[in-house]
Structure formats: C-alpha cells, structure tokens
Amino acid sequence: MGTLPRNGIVEVTTSAAPDQVWDLVADVTRAGDWSHETRGAEWLGGATGPAVGARFRGRNGKGRTRWSRVCEIEACEPGRRIAWHTVPGRAYNDSTRWTYEITPVDGGTKVTQRFEVLKLGPVMDRLFYAVIPAHRDRTEALRGDLEALVALASRPAVVS
C-alpha cells in the first residue's frame, strides 16, 4: 500500500491586484467560495481575522464525507503571506501546514500555495491513502483551487 505525499506546491499568475487576492486568502470564512474541499470556516476564540495565534475551524467535505479541523495561524504578513497548520486532536492526530504567498509581478500577481505534512503516523497515512484517493496527488485539485481563487479576485467589485 502506498503513502501520501509529504509536501506539494502549485502556482498561478493572475491580472488581479495583490490586495484583491490577499482579501480572499486572508478571509478564511470565504474559502468555500474557491476551494474544492473546504466548505467554509469560522474564527474561534474571539478572533475576527488573521493574526499569528488566531484559530479557526475549517469545515471540509469530499463526496458524502464531512469533517472539520481547528487551524492556527502561524504566519501573517498582510498582503504577502499567510500560513496555518491543522491542530492535532483526538479524532485527527495529524498536522499539515498550508502556506499562501502573494507576489506582485508585472501586470498582476503570482499566487503560490504550499502544503507540508508536519505529523502523520504510519497507520493514519495508509488509512488516508486508502480512504481518500484524491489526496494521493493533490496537484491538479490545488491548482484548480488557485484558478478559482484568482478568477474570484479578478471579478469587478459590485457597488450598490
């Protein structure tokens, strides 16, 4: 039986301005608008936005399977970089770091998404490999997420 990849990276370039991309990435409550797996999120413990140490609960789903994870912001450079990790708990003792970097480029923005598995025991690794085949190679799904993110960021603002 195989094992899951321990890291991955995808990048896309968009004509959207860096602040338009940042506004979406930093608002974890909107992740369901562009993610193939995240359905939504809510800030925890009185947090109202991204800051180092702030926590949120991400609600996820794939097919009929649903789960949620508490995440903690570990890096926040407004307009440039945000990173969080899933907090190990009783149900899920694993942890993965997710990082988004926003880099201004000529005519727009380069968006880079990385994941790094920080903790995953061999039993859970093989179980996730067997039960969640989509996690065996996440490259195209994550690229699709970034393409949806930048498409959303590129939409003109609606003024009412």
N, C-alpha and C. Protein backbone atom coordinates (compact mmCIF):
# COMPACT_ATOMS: atom_id res chain seq x y z
N MET A 1 0.85 -1.19 0.00
CA MET A 1 0.00 0.00 0.00
C MET A 1 0.89 1.24 0.00
N GLY A 2 0.47 2.28 -0.71
CA GLY A 2 1.26 3.49 -0.83
C GLY A 2 1.13 4.42 0.36
N THR A 3 1.84 5.52 0.27
CA THR A 3 1.77 6.56 1.30
C THR A 3 1.48 7.90 0.62
N LEU A 4 1.01 8.83 1.41
CA LEU A 4 0.66 10.15 0.88
C LEU A 4 1.90 11.01 0.69
N PRO A 5 1.86 11.93 -0.27
CA PRO A 5 2.97 12.87 -0.41
C PRO A 5 3.07 13.76 0.83
N ARG A 6 4.27 14.13 1.18
CA ARG A 6 4.51 14.93 2.39
C ARG A 6 4.53 16.44 2.12
N ASN A 7 4.54 16.83 0.83
CA ASN A 7 4.51 18.25 0.51
C ASN A 7 4.08 18.43 -0.94
N GLY A 8 3.73 19.66 -1.26
CA GLY A 8 3.34 19.98 -2.62
C GLY A 8 3.31 21.49 -2.80
N ILE A 9 3.37 21.91 -4.05
CA ILE A 9 3.36 23.34 -4.37
C ILE A 9 2.66 23.53 -5.72
N VAL A 10 1.83 24.57 -5.80
CA VAL A 10 1.22 24.99 -7.06
C VAL A 10 1.30 26.51 -7.13
N GLU A 11 1.35 27.02 -8.36
CA GLU A 11 1.40 28.47 -8.58
C GLU A 11 0.51 28.84 -9.75
N VAL A 12 -0.07 30.01 -9.67
CA VAL A 12 -0.78 30.59 -10.81
C VAL A 12 -0.46 32.09 -10.84
N THR A 13 -0.61 32.66 -12.01
CA THR A 13 -0.42 34.10 -12.17
C THR A 13 -1.73 34.68 -12.67
N THR A 14 -2.07 35.86 -12.16
CA THR A 14 -3.34 36.50 -12.49
C THR A 14 -3.12 37.98 -12.73
N SER A 15 -4.06 38.59 -13.43
CA SER A 15 -4.02 40.04 -13.61
C SER A 15 -4.61 40.76 -12.40
N ALA A 16 -5.21 40.03 -11.48
CA ALA A 16 -5.78 40.64 -10.28
C ALA A 16 -4.66 41.28 -9.44
N ALA A 17 -5.00 42.35 -8.77
CA ALA A 17 -4.04 43.04 -7.92
C ALA A 17 -3.76 42.21 -6.66
N PRO A 18 -2.55 42.32 -6.11
CA PRO A 18 -2.22 41.55 -4.91
C PRO A 18 -3.21 41.73 -3.77
N ASP A 19 -3.71 42.96 -3.56
CA ASP A 19 -4.64 43.16 -2.44
C ASP A 19 -5.98 42.46 -2.68
N GLN A 20 -6.39 42.29 -3.93
CA GLN A 20 -7.62 41.56 -4.22
C GLN A 20 -7.47 40.08 -3.87
N VAL A 21 -6.30 39.53 -4.18
CA VAL A 21 -6.03 38.12 -3.86
C VAL A 21 -5.92 37.96 -2.35
N TRP A 22 -5.17 38.86 -1.72
CA TRP A 22 -4.99 38.79 -0.26
C TRP A 22 -6.33 38.81 0.47
N ASP A 23 -7.22 39.71 0.05
CA ASP A 23 -8.50 39.83 0.73
C ASP A 23 -9.25 38.50 0.76
N LEU A 24 -9.14 37.71 -0.29
CA LEU A 24 -9.82 36.41 -0.32
C LEU A 24 -9.07 35.35 0.49
N VAL A 25 -7.76 35.28 0.33
CA VAL A 25 -6.98 34.26 1.03
C VAL A 25 -7.03 34.48 2.54
N ALA A 26 -6.95 35.73 2.96
CA ALA A 26 -6.90 36.04 4.40
C ALA A 26 -8.26 35.89 5.08
N ASP A 27 -9.33 35.91 4.30
CA ASP A 27 -10.66 35.74 4.87
C ASP A 27 -11.04 34.27 4.79
N VAL A 28 -10.61 33.50 5.79
CA VAL A 28 -10.82 32.05 5.77
C VAL A 28 -12.30 31.68 5.72
N THR A 29 -13.17 32.59 6.14
CA THR A 29 -14.60 32.31 6.10
C THR A 29 -15.11 32.20 4.66
N ARG A 30 -14.32 32.67 3.68
CA ARG A 30 -14.72 32.61 2.27
C ARG A 30 -14.04 31.49 1.50
N ALA A 31 -13.25 30.66 2.18
CA ALA A 31 -12.52 29.60 1.48
C ALA A 31 -13.45 28.67 0.72
N GLY A 32 -14.66 28.48 1.20
CA GLY A 32 -15.63 27.64 0.50
C GLY A 32 -16.03 28.19 -0.86
N ASP A 33 -15.76 29.48 -1.11
CA ASP A 33 -16.09 30.09 -2.39
C ASP A 33 -15.16 29.63 -3.50
N TRP A 34 -13.97 29.12 -3.13
CA TRP A 34 -12.99 28.77 -4.16
C TRP A 34 -12.29 27.42 -3.95
N SER A 35 -12.48 26.78 -2.84
CA SER A 35 -11.79 25.52 -2.55
C SER A 35 -12.61 24.30 -2.99
N HIS A 36 -11.93 23.29 -3.50
CA HIS A 36 -12.61 22.05 -3.90
C HIS A 36 -12.99 21.20 -2.68
N GLU A 37 -12.42 21.49 -1.52
CA GLU A 37 -12.64 20.65 -0.35
C GLU A 37 -13.20 21.41 0.84
N THR A 38 -12.77 22.64 1.02
CA THR A 38 -13.25 23.44 2.15
C THR A 38 -14.64 23.97 1.84
N ARG A 39 -15.56 23.79 2.78
CA ARG A 39 -16.94 24.25 2.61
C ARG A 39 -17.16 25.60 3.29
N GLY A 40 -16.31 25.93 4.25
CA GLY A 40 -16.41 27.18 4.98
C GLY A 40 -15.53 27.14 6.20
N ALA A 41 -15.54 28.22 6.94
CA ALA A 41 -14.74 28.30 8.17
C ALA A 41 -15.30 29.40 9.04
N GLU A 42 -14.98 29.30 10.32
CA GLU A 42 -15.36 30.38 11.24
C GLU A 42 -14.22 30.59 12.22
N TRP A 43 -14.02 31.84 12.56
CA TRP A 43 -12.99 32.21 13.53
C TRP A 43 -13.40 31.72 14.92
N LEU A 44 -12.42 31.36 15.73
CA LEU A 44 -12.66 30.85 17.08
C LEU A 44 -12.05 31.77 18.13
N GLY A 45 -12.54 31.65 19.35
CA GLY A 45 -11.94 32.34 20.49
C GLY A 45 -11.91 33.85 20.39
N GLY A 46 -12.89 34.42 19.73
CA GLY A 46 -12.95 35.87 19.62
C GLY A 46 -12.14 36.46 18.46
N ALA A 47 -11.41 35.64 17.72
CA ALA A 47 -10.67 36.14 16.56
C ALA A 47 -11.65 36.60 15.49
N THR A 48 -11.29 37.66 14.78
CA THR A 48 -12.14 38.17 13.72
C THR A 48 -11.40 38.28 12.39
N GLY A 49 -10.13 37.91 12.40
CA GLY A 49 -9.32 37.98 11.20
C GLY A 49 -7.97 37.36 11.44
N PRO A 50 -7.15 37.31 10.40
CA PRO A 50 -5.88 36.61 10.52
C PRO A 50 -4.86 37.38 11.37
N ALA A 51 -4.23 36.67 12.29
CA ALA A 51 -3.14 37.18 13.11
C ALA A 51 -2.44 35.94 13.67
N VAL A 52 -1.15 36.05 13.90
CA VAL A 52 -0.42 34.91 14.44
C VAL A 52 -1.08 34.48 15.76
N GLY A 53 -1.36 33.19 15.86
CA GLY A 53 -2.01 32.63 17.04
C GLY A 53 -3.52 32.53 16.94
N ALA A 54 -4.14 33.23 16.00
CA ALA A 54 -5.60 33.16 15.83
C ALA A 54 -5.97 31.77 15.33
N ARG A 55 -7.12 31.29 15.78
CA ARG A 55 -7.59 29.97 15.37
C ARG A 55 -8.93 30.07 14.64
N PHE A 56 -9.14 29.11 13.77
CA PHE A 56 -10.41 28.98 13.08
C PHE A 56 -10.72 27.51 12.88
N ARG A 57 -11.99 27.21 12.66
CA ARG A 57 -12.41 25.84 12.35
C ARG A 57 -12.79 25.81 10.88
N GLY A 58 -12.08 24.98 10.13
CA GLY A 58 -12.41 24.77 8.72
C GLY A 58 -13.34 23.58 8.59
N ARG A 59 -14.40 23.76 7.82
CA ARG A 59 -15.35 22.67 7.55
C ARG A 59 -15.09 22.17 6.13
N ASN A 60 -14.87 20.86 6.00
CA ASN A 60 -14.46 20.28 4.74
C ASN A 60 -15.41 19.17 4.32
N GLY A 61 -15.34 18.82 3.04
CA GLY A 61 -16.13 17.72 2.55
C GLY A 61 -15.60 17.23 1.22
N LYS A 62 -15.75 15.94 1.02
CA LYS A 62 -15.40 15.30 -0.25
C LYS A 62 -16.43 14.21 -0.46
N GLY A 63 -17.26 14.37 -1.49
CA GLY A 63 -18.36 13.42 -1.67
C GLY A 63 -19.31 13.52 -0.48
N ARG A 64 -19.65 12.38 0.09
CA ARG A 64 -20.54 12.39 1.26
C ARG A 64 -19.78 12.50 2.57
N THR A 65 -18.46 12.45 2.52
CA THR A 65 -17.64 12.53 3.74
C THR A 65 -17.47 13.98 4.17
N ARG A 66 -17.70 14.25 5.44
CA ARG A 66 -17.56 15.59 6.01
C ARG A 66 -16.65 15.52 7.23
N TRP A 67 -15.84 16.56 7.43
CA TRP A 67 -15.00 16.65 8.62
C TRP A 67 -14.65 18.11 8.86
N SER A 68 -14.20 18.40 10.05
CA SER A 68 -13.75 19.76 10.35
C SER A 68 -12.43 19.68 11.09
N ARG A 69 -11.67 20.76 10.99
CA ARG A 69 -10.36 20.82 11.64
C ARG A 69 -10.17 22.21 12.24
N VAL A 70 -9.57 22.24 13.43
CA VAL A 70 -9.14 23.50 14.01
C VAL A 70 -7.77 23.81 13.42
N CYS A 71 -7.61 25.06 13.01
CA CYS A 71 -6.35 25.51 12.41
C CYS A 71 -5.85 26.72 13.19
N GLU A 72 -4.54 26.91 13.21
CA GLU A 72 -3.93 28.04 13.90
C GLU A 72 -3.00 28.79 12.94
N ILE A 73 -3.20 30.10 12.85
CA ILE A 73 -2.36 30.95 12.01
C ILE A 73 -0.96 30.99 12.63
N GLU A 74 0.04 30.69 11.82
CA GLU A 74 1.42 30.74 12.32
C GLU A 74 2.27 31.79 11.64
N ALA A 75 1.80 32.36 10.54
CA ALA A 75 2.50 33.47 9.88
C ALA A 75 1.45 34.34 9.21
N CYS A 76 1.60 35.64 9.36
CA CYS A 76 0.66 36.56 8.72
C CYS A 76 1.41 37.85 8.39
N GLU A 77 1.69 38.01 7.10
CA GLU A 77 2.29 39.23 6.58
C GLU A 77 1.27 39.81 5.61
N PRO A 78 0.43 40.73 6.10
CA PRO A 78 -0.68 41.23 5.27
C PRO A 78 -0.23 41.63 3.86
N GLY A 79 -0.98 41.12 2.90
CA GLY A 79 -0.71 41.42 1.51
C GLY A 79 0.36 40.54 0.89
N ARG A 80 1.06 39.72 1.70
CA ARG A 80 2.18 38.94 1.17
C ARG A 80 2.12 37.45 1.47
N ARG A 81 1.83 37.09 2.72
CA ARG A 81 1.97 35.68 3.11
C ARG A 81 1.09 35.36 4.31
N ILE A 82 0.45 34.19 4.24
CA ILE A 82 -0.28 33.67 5.38
C ILE A 82 -0.04 32.16 5.43
N ALA A 83 0.13 31.66 6.64
CA ALA A 83 0.33 30.22 6.82
C ALA A 83 -0.40 29.78 8.08
N TRP A 84 -0.98 28.58 8.02
CA TRP A 84 -1.60 27.99 9.20
C TRP A 84 -1.34 26.50 9.19
N HIS A 85 -1.53 25.89 10.34
CA HIS A 85 -1.42 24.43 10.43
C HIS A 85 -2.67 23.89 11.09
N THR A 86 -3.01 22.67 10.71
CA THR A 86 -4.11 21.98 11.37
C THR A 86 -3.60 21.54 12.74
N VAL A 87 -4.43 21.73 13.75
CA VAL A 87 -4.06 21.41 15.12
C VAL A 87 -4.41 19.95 15.39
N PRO A 88 -3.43 19.14 15.79
CA PRO A 88 -3.75 17.75 16.11
C PRO A 88 -4.77 17.66 17.24
N GLY A 89 -5.66 16.69 17.12
CA GLY A 89 -6.68 16.49 18.15
C GLY A 89 -6.92 15.00 18.33
N ARG A 90 -7.96 14.67 19.08
CA ARG A 90 -8.27 13.26 19.33
C ARG A 90 -8.66 12.51 18.06
N ALA A 91 -9.56 13.10 17.31
CA ALA A 91 -10.05 12.41 16.10
C ALA A 91 -8.99 12.37 15.00
N TYR A 92 -8.27 13.47 14.83
CA TYR A 92 -7.24 13.56 13.79
C TYR A 92 -5.96 14.04 14.46
N ASN A 93 -5.00 13.14 14.61
CA ASN A 93 -3.77 13.46 15.31
C ASN A 93 -2.69 13.96 14.35
N ASP A 94 -3.03 14.14 13.08
CA ASP A 94 -2.07 14.61 12.10
C ASP A 94 -2.02 16.13 12.09
N SER A 95 -1.07 16.68 11.36
CA SER A 95 -0.98 18.13 11.20
C SER A 95 -0.34 18.45 9.86
N THR A 96 -0.91 19.43 9.18
CA THR A 96 -0.39 19.90 7.90
C THR A 96 -0.32 21.42 7.92
N ARG A 97 0.76 21.96 7.39
CA ARG A 97 0.91 23.41 7.24
C ARG A 97 0.49 23.79 5.82
N TRP A 98 -0.33 24.85 5.72
CA TRP A 98 -0.76 25.41 4.45
C TRP A 98 -0.23 26.84 4.37
N THR A 99 0.44 27.18 3.27
CA THR A 99 1.03 28.50 3.10
C THR A 99 0.59 29.08 1.76
N TYR A 100 0.20 30.35 1.79
CA TYR A 100 -0.13 31.10 0.58
C TYR A 100 0.79 32.31 0.52
N GLU A 101 1.47 32.46 -0.62
CA GLU A 101 2.33 33.62 -0.84
C GLU A 101 1.78 34.40 -2.02
N ILE A 102 1.76 35.71 -1.88
CA ILE A 102 1.23 36.60 -2.90
C ILE A 102 2.38 37.51 -3.31
N THR A 103 2.76 37.43 -4.58
CA THR A 103 3.92 38.17 -5.08
C THR A 103 3.50 39.05 -6.24
N PRO A 104 3.70 40.38 -6.12
CA PRO A 104 3.41 41.24 -7.26
C PRO A 104 4.34 40.90 -8.44
N VAL A 105 3.78 40.84 -9.63
CA VAL A 105 4.55 40.63 -10.85
C VAL A 105 4.05 41.65 -11.87
N ASP A 106 4.80 41.80 -12.95
CA ASP A 106 4.39 42.73 -14.00
C ASP A 106 2.97 42.42 -14.45
N GLY A 107 2.08 43.35 -14.28
CA GLY A 107 0.71 43.20 -14.74
C GLY A 107 -0.20 42.38 -13.84
N GLY A 108 0.25 42.03 -12.63
CA GLY A 108 -0.64 41.26 -11.78
C GLY A 108 0.03 40.66 -10.56
N THR A 109 -0.30 39.39 -10.31
CA THR A 109 0.09 38.74 -9.06
C THR A 109 0.39 37.27 -9.31
N LYS A 110 1.45 36.78 -8.69
CA LYS A 110 1.71 35.35 -8.66
C LYS A 110 1.25 34.84 -7.29
N VAL A 111 0.45 33.79 -7.31
CA VAL A 111 -0.05 33.18 -6.07
C VAL A 111 0.56 31.78 -5.96
N THR A 112 1.19 31.52 -4.83
CA THR A 112 1.82 30.23 -4.58
C THR A 112 1.16 29.59 -3.37
N GLN A 113 0.77 28.34 -3.51
CA GLN A 113 0.19 27.58 -2.41
C GLN A 113 1.10 26.39 -2.14
N ARG A 114 1.42 26.18 -0.86
CA ARG A 114 2.24 25.03 -0.45
C ARG A 114 1.53 24.27 0.66
N PHE A 115 1.76 22.98 0.70
CA PHE A 115 1.38 22.23 1.88
C PHE A 115 2.57 21.38 2.30
N GLU A 116 2.66 21.16 3.61
CA GLU A 116 3.72 20.34 4.17
C GLU A 116 3.12 19.53 5.32
N VAL A 117 3.17 18.23 5.22
CA VAL A 117 2.68 17.37 6.29
C VAL A 117 3.70 17.44 7.43
N LEU A 118 3.26 17.91 8.58
CA LEU A 118 4.12 18.05 9.74
C LEU A 118 4.11 16.80 10.62
N LYS A 119 2.95 16.15 10.67
CA LYS A 119 2.80 14.98 11.53
C LYS A 119 1.75 14.06 10.92
N LEU A 120 2.13 12.81 10.72
CA LEU A 120 1.20 11.82 10.19
C LEU A 120 1.78 10.44 10.49
N GLY A 121 1.14 9.72 11.39
CA GLY A 121 1.61 8.39 11.75
C GLY A 121 1.41 7.41 10.61
N PRO A 122 2.13 6.31 10.63
CA PRO A 122 2.05 5.34 9.53
C PRO A 122 0.67 4.71 9.36
N VAL A 123 -0.05 4.48 10.43
CA VAL A 123 -1.38 3.88 10.31
C VAL A 123 -2.34 4.86 9.65
N MET A 124 -2.34 6.11 10.12
CA MET A 124 -3.23 7.12 9.53
C MET A 124 -2.83 7.40 8.09
N ASP A 125 -1.54 7.39 7.79
CA ASP A 125 -1.05 7.62 6.44
C ASP A 125 -1.67 6.59 5.49
N ARG A 126 -1.59 5.33 5.85
CA ARG A 126 -2.13 4.28 4.99
C ARG A 126 -3.66 4.31 4.94
N LEU A 127 -4.28 4.66 6.06
CA LEU A 127 -5.74 4.78 6.08
C LEU A 127 -6.20 5.90 5.15
N PHE A 128 -5.60 7.10 5.29
CA PHE A 128 -5.96 8.22 4.42
C PHE A 128 -5.69 7.86 2.95
N TYR A 129 -4.57 7.19 2.70
CA TYR A 129 -4.23 6.78 1.33
C TYR A 129 -5.33 5.88 0.76
N ALA A 130 -5.81 4.96 1.58
CA ALA A 130 -6.83 4.01 1.12
C ALA A 130 -8.21 4.65 0.99
N VAL A 131 -8.57 5.52 1.94
CA VAL A 131 -9.92 6.06 2.02
C VAL A 131 -10.11 7.33 1.20
N ILE A 132 -9.06 8.11 1.01
CA ILE A 132 -9.17 9.39 0.29
C ILE A 132 -8.21 9.38 -0.90
N PRO A 133 -8.56 8.67 -1.96
CA PRO A 133 -7.65 8.58 -3.12
C PRO A 133 -7.28 9.95 -3.70
N ALA A 134 -8.16 10.92 -3.58
CA ALA A 134 -7.87 12.25 -4.13
C ALA A 134 -6.65 12.89 -3.46
N HIS A 135 -6.27 12.45 -2.27
CA HIS A 135 -5.12 13.03 -1.58
C HIS A 135 -3.80 12.39 -2.00
N ARG A 136 -3.85 11.39 -2.87
CA ARG A 136 -2.62 10.74 -3.33
C ARG A 136 -1.81 11.67 -4.22
N ASP A 137 -2.49 12.49 -4.99
CA ASP A 137 -1.84 13.53 -5.80
C ASP A 137 -2.81 14.69 -5.87
N ARG A 138 -2.51 15.73 -5.12
CA ARG A 138 -3.44 16.85 -4.99
C ARG A 138 -3.13 17.99 -5.95
N THR A 139 -2.12 17.83 -6.78
CA THR A 139 -1.63 18.93 -7.61
C THR A 139 -2.74 19.58 -8.44
N GLU A 140 -3.47 18.80 -9.22
CA GLU A 140 -4.48 19.39 -10.10
C GLU A 140 -5.64 20.00 -9.32
N ALA A 141 -6.05 19.37 -8.23
CA ALA A 141 -7.13 19.93 -7.42
C ALA A 141 -6.70 21.25 -6.79
N LEU A 142 -5.47 21.31 -6.29
CA LEU A 142 -4.99 22.55 -5.68
C LEU A 142 -4.78 23.64 -6.73
N ARG A 143 -4.31 23.27 -7.91
CA ARG A 143 -4.19 24.25 -8.99
C ARG A 143 -5.58 24.78 -9.36
N GLY A 144 -6.57 23.90 -9.39
CA GLY A 144 -7.95 24.32 -9.66
C GLY A 144 -8.45 25.29 -8.59
N ASP A 145 -8.07 25.05 -7.34
CA ASP A 145 -8.44 25.97 -6.27
C ASP A 145 -7.86 27.36 -6.52
N LEU A 146 -6.57 27.40 -6.86
CA LEU A 146 -5.94 28.71 -7.11
C LEU A 146 -6.55 29.39 -8.32
N GLU A 147 -6.88 28.62 -9.35
CA GLU A 147 -7.52 29.22 -10.52
C GLU A 147 -8.89 29.79 -10.17
N ALA A 148 -9.64 29.09 -9.31
CA ALA A 148 -10.93 29.62 -8.85
C ALA A 148 -10.74 30.85 -7.98
N LEU A 149 -9.71 30.83 -7.13
CA LEU A 149 -9.40 31.97 -6.27
C LEU A 149 -9.09 33.21 -7.10
N VAL A 150 -8.20 33.08 -8.09
CA VAL A 150 -7.83 34.27 -8.86
C VAL A 150 -8.96 34.72 -9.77
N ALA A 151 -9.80 33.80 -10.22
CA ALA A 151 -10.98 34.21 -11.01
C ALA A 151 -11.91 35.04 -10.15
N LEU A 152 -12.10 34.62 -8.93
CA LEU A 152 -12.95 35.37 -7.99
C LEU A 152 -12.33 36.73 -7.68
N ALA A 153 -11.01 36.75 -7.47
CA ALA A 153 -10.31 38.01 -7.16
C ALA A 153 -10.35 38.98 -8.34
N SER A 154 -10.45 38.46 -9.55
CA SER A 154 -10.43 39.28 -10.76
C SER A 154 -11.78 39.90 -11.11
N ARG A 155 -12.83 39.43 -10.43
CA ARG A 155 -14.17 39.98 -10.73
C ARG A 155 -14.25 41.43 -10.31
N PRO A 156 -14.93 42.24 -11.12
CA PRO A 156 -15.12 43.64 -10.72
C PRO A 156 -15.97 43.73 -9.45
N ALA A 157 -15.66 44.70 -8.63
CA ALA A 157 -16.44 44.91 -7.41
C ALA A 157 -17.84 45.37 -7.76
N VAL A 158 -18.80 44.88 -7.03
CA VAL A 158 -20.20 45.27 -7.22
C VAL A 158 -20.49 46.42 -6.25
N VAL A 159 -20.92 47.54 -6.80
CA VAL A 159 -21.25 48.71 -5.99
C VAL A 159 -22.77 48.82 -5.94
N SER A 160 -23.31 48.92 -4.74
CA SER A 160 -24.77 49.03 -4.64
C SER A 160 -25.17 50.33 -4.03
